[in-house]
PDB file of all heavy atoms in Angstrom:
ATOM      1  N   LEU A   1      -0.986  -0.448   4.580  1.00  0.00           N
ATOM      2  CA  LEU A   1      -1.737  -1.688   4.707  1.00  0.00           C
ATOM      3  C   LEU A   1      -3.223  -1.451   4.426  1.00  0.00           C
ATOM      4  O   LEU A   1      -3.878  -2.264   3.759  1.00  0.00           O
ATOM      5  CB  LEU A   1      -1.554  -2.265   6.118  1.00  0.00           C
ATOM      6  CG  LEU A   1      -1.821  -3.769   6.285  1.00  0.00           C
ATOM      7  CD1 LEU A   1      -0.893  -4.589   5.404  1.00  0.00           C
ATOM      8  CD2 LEU A   1      -1.676  -4.167   7.752  1.00  0.00           C
ATOM      9  N   ALA A   2      -3.749  -0.309   4.890  1.00  0.00           N
ATOM     10  CA  ALA A   2      -5.157  -0.001   4.669  1.00  0.00           C
ATOM     11  C   ALA A   2      -5.443   0.374   3.216  1.00  0.00           C
ATOM     12  O   ALA A   2      -6.605   0.395   2.800  1.00  0.00           O
ATOM     13  CB  ALA A   2      -5.578   1.147   5.581  1.00  0.00           C
ATOM     14  N   SER A   3      -4.386   0.659   2.445  1.00  0.00           N
ATOM     15  CA  SER A   3      -4.576   1.135   1.065  1.00  0.00           C
ATOM     16  C   SER A   3      -4.216   0.104   0.012  1.00  0.00           C
ATOM     17  O   SER A   3      -4.408   0.375  -1.188  1.00  0.00           O
ATOM     18  CB  SER A   3      -3.730   2.400   0.833  1.00  0.00           C
ATOM     19  OG  SER A   3      -4.070   3.409   1.751  1.00  0.00           O
ATOM     20  N   LEU A   4      -3.690  -1.041   0.416  1.00  0.00           N
ATOM     21  CA  LEU A   4      -3.258  -2.028  -0.579  1.00  0.00           C
ATOM     22  C   LEU A   4      -4.409  -2.481  -1.472  1.00  0.00           C
ATOM     23  O   LEU A   4      -4.212  -2.770  -2.663  1.00  0.00           O
ATOM     24  CB  LEU A   4      -2.629  -3.241   0.116  1.00  0.00           C
ATOM     25  CG  LEU A   4      -1.179  -3.041   0.601  1.00  0.00           C
ATOM     26  CD1 LEU A   4      -0.736  -4.243   1.436  1.00  0.00           C
ATOM     27  CD2 LEU A   4      -0.249  -2.833  -0.580  1.00  0.00           C
ATOM     28  N   ALA A   5      -5.604  -2.554  -0.916  1.00  0.00           N
ATOM     29  CA  ALA A   5      -6.758  -2.989  -1.706  1.00  0.00           C
ATOM     30  C   ALA A   5      -7.533  -1.814  -2.300  1.00  0.00           C
ATOM     31  O   ALA A   5      -8.560  -2.006  -2.940  1.00  0.00           O
ATOM     32  CB  ALA A   5      -7.680  -3.843  -0.849  1.00  0.00           C
ATOM     33  N   ASP A   6      -7.051  -0.592  -2.075  1.00  0.00           N
ATOM     34  CA  ASP A   6      -7.728   0.615  -2.548  1.00  0.00           C
ATOM     35  C   ASP A   6      -7.209   0.971  -3.945  1.00  0.00           C
ATOM     36  O   ASP A   6      -6.056   1.383  -4.086  1.00  0.00           O
ATOM     37  CB  ASP A   6      -7.465   1.754  -1.559  1.00  0.00           C
ATOM     38  CG  ASP A   6      -8.237   3.022  -1.904  1.00  0.00           C
ATOM     39  OD1 ASP A   6      -8.852   3.066  -2.989  1.00  0.00           O
ATOM     40  OD2 ASP A   6      -8.198   3.962  -1.101  1.00  0.00           O
ATOM     41  N   GLU A   7      -8.046   0.831  -4.969  1.00  0.00           N
ATOM     42  CA  GLU A   7      -7.616   1.067  -6.345  1.00  0.00           C
ATOM     43  C   GLU A   7      -7.855   2.498  -6.813  1.00  0.00           C
ATOM     44  O   GLU A   7      -7.676   2.808  -7.981  1.00  0.00           O
ATOM     45  CB  GLU A   7      -8.333   0.100  -7.294  1.00  0.00           C
ATOM     46  CG  GLU A   7      -7.879  -1.343  -7.152  1.00  0.00           C
ATOM     47  CD  GLU A   7      -6.376  -1.506  -7.405  1.00  0.00           C
ATOM     48  OE1 GLU A   7      -5.856  -0.859  -8.334  1.00  0.00           O
ATOM     49  OE2 GLU A   7      -5.735  -2.271  -6.663  1.00  0.00           O
ATOM     50  N   THR A   8      -8.289   3.367  -5.894  1.00  0.00           N
ATOM     51  CA  THR A   8      -8.472   4.762  -6.291  1.00  0.00           C
ATOM     52  C   THR A   8      -7.098   5.423  -6.467  1.00  0.00           C
ATOM     53  O   THR A   8      -6.098   4.960  -5.912  1.00  0.00           O
ATOM     54  CB  THR A   8      -9.266   5.545  -5.232  1.00  0.00           C
ATOM     55  OG1 THR A   8      -8.506   5.599  -4.018  1.00  0.00           O
ATOM     56  CG2 THR A   8     -10.606   4.887  -4.970  1.00  0.00           C
ATOM     57  N   PRO A   9      -7.027   6.516  -7.243  1.00  0.00           N
ATOM     58  CA  PRO A   9      -5.741   7.226  -7.384  1.00  0.00           C
ATOM     59  C   PRO A   9      -5.150   7.647  -6.032  1.00  0.00           C
ATOM     60  O   PRO A   9      -3.932   7.580  -5.835  1.00  0.00           O
ATOM     61  CB  PRO A   9      -6.103   8.450  -8.240  1.00  0.00           C
ATOM     62  CG  PRO A   9      -7.302   8.026  -9.013  1.00  0.00           C
ATOM     63  CD  PRO A   9      -8.071   7.125  -8.103  1.00  0.00           C
ATOM     64  N   GLU A  10      -6.017   8.073  -5.088  1.00  0.00           N
ATOM     65  CA  GLU A  10      -5.522   8.461  -3.774  1.00  0.00           C
ATOM     66  C   GLU A  10      -4.907   7.280  -3.037  1.00  0.00           C
ATOM     67  O   GLU A  10      -3.826   7.388  -2.433  1.00  0.00           O
ATOM     68  CB  GLU A  10      -6.663   9.065  -2.937  1.00  0.00           C
ATOM     69  CG  GLU A  10      -7.163  10.396  -3.452  1.00  0.00           C
ATOM     70  CD  GLU A  10      -8.254  10.232  -4.497  1.00  0.00           C
ATOM     71  OE1 GLU A  10      -8.485   9.074  -4.945  1.00  0.00           O
ATOM     72  OE2 GLU A  10      -8.864  11.247  -4.888  1.00  0.00           O
ATOM     73  N   GLY A  11      -5.608   6.122  -3.096  1.00  0.00           N
ATOM     74  CA  GLY A  11      -5.093   4.931  -2.434  1.00  0.00           C
ATOM     75  C   GLY A  11      -3.769   4.485  -2.991  1.00  0.00           C
ATOM     76  O   GLY A  11      -2.831   4.139  -2.252  1.00  0.00           O
ATOM     77  N   ARG A  12      -3.649   4.503  -4.324  1.00  0.00           N
ATOM     78  CA  ARG A  12      -2.401   4.082  -4.945  1.00  0.00           C
ATOM     79  C   ARG A  12      -1.260   5.033  -4.596  1.00  0.00           C
ATOM     80  O   ARG A  12      -0.110   4.620  -4.427  1.00  0.00           O
ATOM     81  CB  ARG A  12      -2.580   3.995  -6.471  1.00  0.00           C
ATOM     82  CG  ARG A  12      -3.494   2.841  -6.915  1.00  0.00           C
ATOM     83  CD  ARG A  12      -3.380   2.583  -8.397  1.00  0.00           C
ATOM     84  NE  ARG A  12      -3.963   3.667  -9.176  1.00  0.00           N
ATOM     85  CZ  ARG A  12      -5.212   3.681  -9.622  1.00  0.00           C
ATOM     86  NH1 ARG A  12      -6.019   2.681  -9.347  1.00  0.00           N
ATOM     87  NH2 ARG A  12      -5.672   4.690 -10.343  1.00  0.00           N
ATOM     88  N   SER A  13      -1.589   6.340  -4.484  1.00  0.00           N
ATOM     89  CA  SER A  13      -0.531   7.303  -4.154  1.00  0.00           C
ATOM     90  C   SER A  13      -0.034   7.120  -2.724  1.00  0.00           C
ATOM     91  O   SER A  13       1.152   7.368  -2.439  1.00  0.00           O
ATOM     92  CB  SER A  13      -1.036   8.727  -4.366  1.00  0.00           C
ATOM     93  OG  SER A  13      -1.964   9.107  -3.372  1.00  0.00           O
ATOM     94  N   ILE A  14      -0.911   6.692  -1.794  1.00  0.00           N
ATOM     95  CA  ILE A  14      -0.489   6.415  -0.412  1.00  0.00           C
ATOM     96  C   ILE A  14       0.498   5.267  -0.382  1.00  0.00           C
ATOM     97  O   ILE A  14       1.542   5.309   0.293  1.00  0.00           O
ATOM     98  CB  ILE A  14      -1.717   6.116   0.477  1.00  0.00           C
ATOM     99  CG1 ILE A  14      -2.551   7.387   0.671  1.00  0.00           C
ATOM    100  CG2 ILE A  14      -1.277   5.568   1.839  1.00  0.00           C
ATOM    101  CD1 ILE A  14      -3.868   7.144   1.370  1.00  0.00           C
ATOM    102  N   VAL A  15       0.194   4.213  -1.139  1.00  0.00           N
ATOM    103  CA  VAL A  15       1.085   3.049  -1.204  1.00  0.00           C
ATOM    104  C   VAL A  15       2.450   3.461  -1.762  1.00  0.00           C
ATOM    105  O   VAL A  15       3.502   3.105  -1.217  1.00  0.00           O
ATOM    106  CB  VAL A  15       0.455   1.937  -2.059  1.00  0.00           C
ATOM    107  CG1 VAL A  15       1.455   0.801  -2.286  1.00  0.00           C
ATOM    108  CG2 VAL A  15      -0.811   1.407  -1.398  1.00  0.00           C
ATOM    109  N   LEU A  16       2.440   4.232  -2.854  1.00  0.00           N
ATOM    110  CA  LEU A  16       3.705   4.653  -3.467  1.00  0.00           C
ATOM    111  C   LEU A  16       4.516   5.542  -2.537  1.00  0.00           C
ATOM    112  O   LEU A  16       5.732   5.394  -2.419  1.00  0.00           O
ATOM    113  CB  LEU A  16       3.416   5.405  -4.776  1.00  0.00           C
ATOM    114  CG  LEU A  16       2.917   4.562  -5.948  1.00  0.00           C
ATOM    115  CD1 LEU A  16       2.527   5.448  -7.122  1.00  0.00           C
ATOM    116  CD2 LEU A  16       3.976   3.554  -6.378  1.00  0.00           C
ATOM    117  N   LEU A  17       3.855   6.456  -1.839  1.00  0.00           N
ATOM    118  CA  LEU A  17       4.574   7.344  -0.924  1.00  0.00           C
ATOM    119  C   LEU A  17       5.204   6.572   0.225  1.00  0.00           C
ATOM    120  O   LEU A  17       6.368   6.805   0.583  1.00  0.00           O
ATOM    121  CB  LEU A  17       3.621   8.417  -0.370  1.00  0.00           C
ATOM    122  CG  LEU A  17       4.245   9.431   0.591  1.00  0.00           C
ATOM    123  CD1 LEU A  17       5.304  10.269  -0.112  1.00  0.00           C
ATOM    124  CD2 LEU A  17       3.169  10.319   1.210  1.00  0.00           C
ATOM    125  N   ALA A  18       4.457   5.618   0.795  1.00  0.00           N
ATOM    126  CA  ALA A  18       4.988   4.820   1.915  1.00  0.00           C
ATOM    127  C   ALA A  18       6.184   3.977   1.479  1.00  0.00           C
ATOM    128  O   ALA A  18       7.175   3.862   2.194  1.00  0.00           O
ATOM    129  CB  ALA A  18       3.884   3.921   2.472  1.00  0.00           C
ATOM    130  N   ARG A  19       6.114   3.412   0.289  1.00  0.00           N
ATOM    131  CA  ARG A  19       7.223   2.579  -0.200  1.00  0.00           C
ATOM    132  C   ARG A  19       8.438   3.431  -0.567  1.00  0.00           C
ATOM    133  O   ARG A  19       9.571   3.073  -0.239  1.00  0.00           O
ATOM    134  CB  ARG A  19       6.760   1.760  -1.414  1.00  0.00           C
ATOM    135  CG  ARG A  19       5.799   0.618  -1.051  1.00  0.00           C
ATOM    136  CD  ARG A  19       5.312  -0.066  -2.308  1.00  0.00           C
ATOM    137  NE  ARG A  19       4.420  -1.198  -1.974  1.00  0.00           N
ATOM    138  CZ  ARG A  19       3.700  -1.864  -2.862  1.00  0.00           C
ATOM    139  NH1 ARG A  19       3.741  -1.495  -4.150  1.00  0.00           N
ATOM    140  NH2 ARG A  19       2.933  -2.859  -2.479  1.00  0.00           N
ATOM    141  N   ASP A  20       8.193   4.543  -1.256  1.00  0.00           N
ATOM    142  CA  ASP A  20       9.314   5.368  -1.705  1.00  0.00           C
ATOM    143  C   ASP A  20       9.985   6.110  -0.558  1.00  0.00           C
ATOM    144  O   ASP A  20      11.212   6.210  -0.490  1.00  0.00           O
ATOM    145  CB  ASP A  20       8.839   6.381  -2.754  1.00  0.00           C
ATOM    146  CG  ASP A  20       8.388   5.715  -4.038  1.00  0.00           C
ATOM    147  OD1 ASP A  20       8.710   4.514  -4.223  1.00  0.00           O
ATOM    148  OD2 ASP A  20       7.694   6.361  -4.839  1.00  0.00           O
ATOM    149  N   ARG A  21       9.184   6.665   0.383  1.00  0.00           N
ATOM    150  CA  ARG A  21       9.721   7.500   1.446  1.00  0.00           C
ATOM    151  C   ARG A  21      10.304   6.663   2.579  1.00  0.00           C
ATOM    152  O   ARG A  21      11.298   7.057   3.188  1.00  0.00           O
ATOM    153  CB  ARG A  21       8.595   8.396   1.980  1.00  0.00           C
ATOM    154  CG  ARG A  21       9.030   9.466   2.981  1.00  0.00           C
ATOM    155  CD  ARG A  21       9.688  10.654   2.301  1.00  0.00           C
ATOM    156  NE  ARG A  21       8.855  11.294   1.305  1.00  0.00           N
ATOM    157  CZ  ARG A  21       7.930  12.220   1.554  1.00  0.00           C
ATOM    158  NH1 ARG A  21       7.719  12.606   2.797  1.00  0.00           N
ATOM    159  NH2 ARG A  21       7.268  12.770   0.580  1.00  0.00           N
ATOM    160  N   PHE A  22       9.698   5.492   2.855  1.00  0.00           N
ATOM    161  CA  PHE A  22      10.117   4.728   4.032  1.00  0.00           C
ATOM    162  C   PHE A  22      10.549   3.311   3.706  1.00  0.00           C
ATOM    163  O   PHE A  22      10.787   2.503   4.603  1.00  0.00           O
ATOM    164  CB  PHE A  22       8.974   4.702   5.067  1.00  0.00           C
ATOM    165  CG  PHE A  22       8.541   6.078   5.498  1.00  0.00           C
ATOM    166  CD1 PHE A  22       7.395   6.652   4.981  1.00  0.00           C
ATOM    167  CD2 PHE A  22       9.317   6.813   6.383  1.00  0.00           C
ATOM    168  CE1 PHE A  22       6.995   7.921   5.349  1.00  0.00           C
ATOM    169  CE2 PHE A  22       8.931   8.084   6.761  1.00  0.00           C
ATOM    170  CZ  PHE A  22       7.774   8.650   6.250  1.00  0.00           C
ATOM    171  N   ALA A  23      10.623   2.992   2.410  1.00  0.00           N
ATOM    172  CA  ALA A  23      11.114   1.677   1.970  1.00  0.00           C
ATOM    173  C   ALA A  23      10.373   0.536   2.631  1.00  0.00           C
ATOM    174  O   ALA A  23      10.963  -0.484   3.003  1.00  0.00           O
ATOM    175  CB  ALA A  23      12.614   1.575   2.223  1.00  0.00           C
ATOM    176  N   ILE A  24       9.065   0.663   2.807  1.00  0.00           N
ATOM    177  CA  ILE A  24       8.259  -0.415   3.384  1.00  0.00           C
ATOM    178  C   ILE A  24       8.089  -1.500   2.326  1.00  0.00           C
ATOM    179  O   ILE A  24       7.644  -1.225   1.214  1.00  0.00           O
ATOM    180  CB  ILE A  24       6.907   0.118   3.863  1.00  0.00           C
ATOM    181  CG1 ILE A  24       7.121   1.196   4.946  1.00  0.00           C
ATOM    182  CG2 ILE A  24       6.027  -1.002   4.407  1.00  0.00           C
ATOM    183  CD1 ILE A  24       5.856   1.880   5.402  1.00  0.00           C
ATOM    184  N   ALA A  25       8.420  -2.709   2.682  1.00  0.00           N
ATOM    185  CA  ALA A  25       8.486  -3.794   1.695  1.00  0.00           C
ATOM    186  C   ALA A  25       7.161  -4.519   1.490  1.00  0.00           C
ATOM    187  O   ALA A  25       7.043  -5.367   0.611  1.00  0.00           O
ATOM    188  CB  ALA A  25       9.568  -4.784   2.083  1.00  0.00           C
ATOM    189  N   THR A  26       6.156  -4.231   2.295  1.00  0.00           N
ATOM    190  CA  THR A  26       4.883  -4.951   2.199  1.00  0.00           C
ATOM    191  C   THR A  26       4.280  -4.731   0.818  1.00  0.00           C
ATOM    192  O   THR A  26       4.099  -3.591   0.373  1.00  0.00           O
ATOM    193  CB  THR A  26       3.894  -4.450   3.271  1.00  0.00           C
ATOM    194  OG1 THR A  26       4.510  -4.587   4.546  1.00  0.00           O
ATOM    195  CG2 THR A  26       2.603  -5.245   3.227  1.00  0.00           C
ATOM    196  N   THR A  27       3.938  -5.834   0.139  1.00  0.00           N
ATOM    197  CA  THR A  27       3.368  -5.732  -1.202  1.00  0.00           C
ATOM    198  C   THR A  27       2.003  -6.379  -1.330  1.00  0.00           C
ATOM    199  O   THR A  27       1.333  -6.215  -2.333  1.00  0.00           O
ATOM    200  CB  THR A  27       4.315  -6.392  -2.229  1.00  0.00           C
ATOM    201  OG1 THR A  27       4.522  -7.762  -1.866  1.00  0.00           O
ATOM    202  CG2 THR A  27       5.655  -5.658  -2.274  1.00  0.00           C
ATOM    203  N   ALA A  28       1.607  -7.128  -0.317  1.00  0.00           N
ATOM    204  CA  ALA A  28       0.322  -7.813  -0.384  1.00  0.00           C
ATOM    205  C   ALA A  28      -0.266  -7.932   1.011  1.00  0.00           C
ATOM    206  O   ALA A  28       0.449  -7.919   2.012  1.00  0.00           O
ATOM    207  CB  ALA A  28       0.487  -9.205  -1.014  1.00  0.00           C
ATOM    208  N   LEU A  29      -1.588  -8.074   1.074  1.00  0.00           N
ATOM    209  CA  LEU A  29      -2.262  -8.248   2.352  1.00  0.00           C
ATOM    210  C   LEU A  29      -1.988  -9.637   2.921  1.00  0.00           C
ATOM    211  O   LEU A  29      -1.802 -10.606   2.163  1.00  0.00           O
ATOM    212  CB  LEU A  29      -3.769  -8.067   2.179  1.00  0.00           C
ATOM    213  CG  LEU A  29      -4.251  -6.643   1.868  1.00  0.00           C
ATOM    214  CD1 LEU A  29      -5.730  -6.646   1.496  1.00  0.00           C
ATOM    215  CD2 LEU A  29      -4.013  -5.731   3.061  1.00  0.00           C
ATOM    216  N   PRO A  30      -1.948  -9.782   4.247  1.00  0.00           N
ATOM    217  CA  PRO A  30      -1.749 -11.107   4.854  1.00  0.00           C
ATOM    218  C   PRO A  30      -2.889 -12.045   4.478  1.00  0.00           C
ATOM    219  O   PRO A  30      -4.007 -11.610   4.186  1.00  0.00           O
ATOM    220  CB  PRO A  30      -1.741 -10.802   6.366  1.00  0.00           C
ATOM    221  CG  PRO A  30      -1.466  -9.341   6.472  1.00  0.00           C
ATOM    222  CD  PRO A  30      -2.037  -8.713   5.248  1.00  0.00           C
ATOM    223  N   ALA A  31      -2.600 -13.339   4.510  1.00  0.00           N
ATOM    224  CA  ALA A  31      -3.624 -14.336   4.200  1.00  0.00           C
ATOM    225  C   ALA A  31      -4.779 -14.190   5.180  1.00  0.00           C
ATOM    226  O   ALA A  31      -4.583 -14.004   6.387  1.00  0.00           O
ATOM    227  CB  ALA A  31      -3.023 -15.734   4.273  1.00  0.00           C
ATOM    228  N   GLY A  32      -5.988 -14.276   4.656  1.00  0.00           N
ATOM    229  CA  GLY A  32      -7.169 -14.199   5.512  1.00  0.00           C
ATOM    230  C   GLY A  32      -7.590 -12.806   5.879  1.00  0.00           C
ATOM    231  O   GLY A  32      -8.543 -12.624   6.662  1.00  0.00           O
ATOM    232  N   ALA A  33      -6.921 -11.789   5.338  1.00  0.00           N
ATOM    233  CA  ALA A  33      -7.277 -10.413   5.657  1.00  0.00           C
ATOM    234  C   ALA A  33      -8.661 -10.082   5.101  1.00  0.00           C
ATOM    235  O   ALA A  33      -9.032 -10.531   4.006  1.00  0.00           O
ATOM    236  CB  ALA A  33      -6.243  -9.459   5.095  1.00  0.00           C
TER     237      ALA A  33
END
């Protein structure tokens, strides 16, 4: 969640690892975040 708006290579790799390893379905920040 903290990395969804992070466009650095490190931020993108955190998102990919969380989705691939733990199948977390979150793809976008909640409204008003």
